[in-house]
């Protein structure tokens, strides 16, 4: 499964988009104090890792067969994507539970909830497009 140059360009575009989204969500965490936004920000940062692993997997998939891998390294791309999916689930679950417990113990109102709503709406539009 050799990737062509347009596939690599798409992954780089997704990487750039995920960097912007992740830092925007992290800024929203600092601005609003929301307990839900940290999970969203972590999810976006893990997506950055996913894109980096995909680029690495694409590069490794192009390697020729050798004695350790007689059919090549093409399937490594799928394995790396699987690992990232597991990381997204586990890390976001832990962060959500942690922040949920903290906010139940120390109740504090959210500042500017409209910012969260706008960011989540934009994330739905842009992340749904990929």
Protein backbone atom coordinates (compact mmCIF):
# COMPACT_ATOMS: atom_id res chain seq x y z
CA UNK A 1 0.00 0.00 0.00
CA UNK A 2 2.25 2.75 -1.22
CA UNK A 3 0.80 6.21 -0.69
CA UNK A 4 0.94 8.72 -3.48
CA UNK A 5 1.95 12.34 -3.04
CA UNK A 6 -1.66 13.56 -2.79
CA UNK A 7 -2.21 11.26 0.23
CA UNK A 8 0.84 12.73 1.92
CA UNK A 9 -0.37 16.26 1.17
CA UNK A 10 -3.74 15.45 2.69
CA UNK A 11 -2.07 14.16 5.86
CA UNK A 12 0.06 17.32 6.08
CA UNK A 13 -3.06 19.48 5.62
CA UNK A 14 -4.84 17.52 8.36
CA UNK A 15 -1.79 17.93 10.60
CA UNK A 16 -1.80 21.71 10.11
CA UNK A 17 -5.53 21.88 10.78
CA UNK A 18 -5.23 19.74 13.91
CA UNK A 19 -2.46 21.95 15.27
CA UNK A 20 -4.67 25.03 14.88
CA UNK A 21 -7.70 23.29 16.38
CA UNK A 22 -5.73 21.86 19.32
CA UNK A 23 -4.21 25.17 20.34
CA UNK A 24 -7.54 26.95 19.91
CA UNK A 25 -9.24 24.43 22.20
CA UNK A 26 -6.40 24.71 24.71
CA UNK A 27 -6.91 28.47 24.69
CA UNK A 28 -10.62 27.92 25.31
CA UNK A 29 -9.75 25.74 28.31
CA UNK A 30 -7.71 28.57 29.80
CA UNK A 31 -10.33 31.20 28.95
CA UNK A 32 -13.54 29.46 30.02
CA UNK A 33 -12.51 27.02 32.74
CA UNK A 34 -14.80 24.42 31.19
CA UNK A 35 -14.58 20.83 32.40
CA UNK A 36 -15.45 19.43 28.95
CA UNK A 37 -12.95 21.37 26.86
CA UNK A 38 -9.79 19.71 28.25
CA UNK A 39 -10.95 16.38 26.79
CA UNK A 40 -11.61 18.09 23.48
CA UNK A 41 -8.16 19.70 23.54
CA UNK A 42 -6.47 16.41 24.41
CA UNK A 43 -8.39 14.70 21.64
CA UNK A 44 -7.06 17.26 19.17
CA UNK A 45 -3.50 16.90 20.45
CA UNK A 46 -3.77 13.13 20.08
CA UNK A 47 -5.02 13.72 16.53
CA UNK A 48 -1.72 15.53 15.90
CA UNK A 49 0.09 12.41 17.07
CA UNK A 50 -2.13 10.37 14.79
CA UNK A 51 -1.09 12.43 11.77
CA UNK A 52 2.59 12.14 12.70
CA UNK A 53 2.23 8.37 13.05
CA UNK A 54 0.43 8.22 9.72
CA UNK A 55 3.26 10.11 8.02
CA UNK A 56 5.74 7.73 9.61
CA UNK A 57 3.61 4.75 8.57
CA UNK A 58 3.37 6.02 4.99
CA UNK A 59 7.14 6.34 4.88
CA UNK A 60 7.64 2.86 6.34
CA UNK A 61 5.05 1.36 4.00
CA UNK A 62 7.27 2.33 1.07
CA UNK A 63 10.18 0.23 2.35
CA UNK A 64 10.90 -2.91 0.34
CA UNK A 65 10.49 -6.41 1.73
CA UNK A 66 13.39 -7.79 3.76
CA UNK A 67 14.09 -10.93 5.81
CA UNK A 68 12.40 -9.59 8.98
CA UNK A 69 9.31 -8.51 6.99
CA UNK A 70 9.08 -10.68 3.89
CA UNK A 71 5.88 -9.03 2.64
CA UNK A 72 7.03 -5.50 3.48
CA UNK A 73 5.95 -2.96 6.08
CA UNK A 74 2.72 -1.79 4.40
CA UNK A 75 0.42 -2.91 7.20
CA UNK A 76 2.29 -0.87 9.79
CA UNK A 77 0.19 2.16 8.83
CA UNK A 78 -2.97 0.38 10.01
CA UNK A 79 -1.35 -0.75 13.25
CA UNK A 80 -0.24 2.79 14.07
CA UNK A 81 -3.72 4.16 13.42
CA UNK A 82 -5.14 1.46 15.72
CA UNK A 83 -2.74 2.47 18.50
CA UNK A 84 -3.71 6.12 18.18
CA UNK A 85 -7.40 5.25 18.33
CA UNK A 86 -6.80 3.41 21.60
CA UNK A 87 -4.82 6.36 22.96
CA UNK A 88 -7.58 8.82 22.07
CA UNK A 89 -10.17 6.73 23.89
CA UNK A 90 -8.07 6.04 26.99
CA UNK A 91 -6.54 9.48 27.43
CA UNK A 92 -9.78 11.39 26.88
CA UNK A 93 -11.63 9.06 29.25
CA UNK A 94 -9.08 9.60 32.01
CA UNK A 95 -9.04 13.37 31.54
CA UNK A 96 -12.85 13.55 31.45
CA UNK A 97 -13.20 11.55 34.65
CA UNK A 98 -10.47 13.57 36.39
CA UNK A 99 -11.95 16.94 35.44
CA UNK A 100 -15.46 15.74 36.22
CA UNK A 101 -14.43 14.78 39.76
CA UNK A 102 -12.58 18.07 40.23
CA UNK A 103 -15.55 20.13 39.09
CA UNK A 104 -17.99 18.19 41.29
CA UNK A 105 -15.76 18.79 44.32
CA UNK A 106 -15.00 22.44 43.51
CA UNK A 107 -18.02 23.86 41.75
CA UNK A 108 -17.21 26.96 39.78
CA UNK A 109 -19.29 28.58 37.05
CA UNK A 110 -18.07 28.44 33.47
CA UNK A 111 -16.94 31.78 32.11
CA UNK A 112 -18.15 32.59 28.58
CA UNK A 113 -19.83 29.28 27.72
CA UNK A 114 -20.60 30.76 24.29
CA UNK A 115 -16.89 30.37 23.42
CA UNK A 116 -17.13 26.61 24.04
CA UNK A 117 -20.26 26.33 21.95
CA UNK A 118 -18.66 28.15 19.02
CA UNK A 119 -15.49 26.06 19.20
CA UNK A 120 -17.37 22.77 19.45
CA UNK A 121 -19.54 23.78 16.50
CA UNK A 122 -16.49 24.70 14.43
CA UNK A 123 -14.75 21.48 15.44
CA UNK A 124 -17.80 19.54 14.29
CA UNK A 125 -17.76 21.27 10.93
CA UNK A 126 -14.02 21.00 10.33
CA UNK A 127 -13.37 17.60 11.87
CA UNK A 128 -16.45 16.17 10.19
CA UNK A 129 -14.98 17.22 6.83
CA UNK A 130 -11.89 15.02 7.23
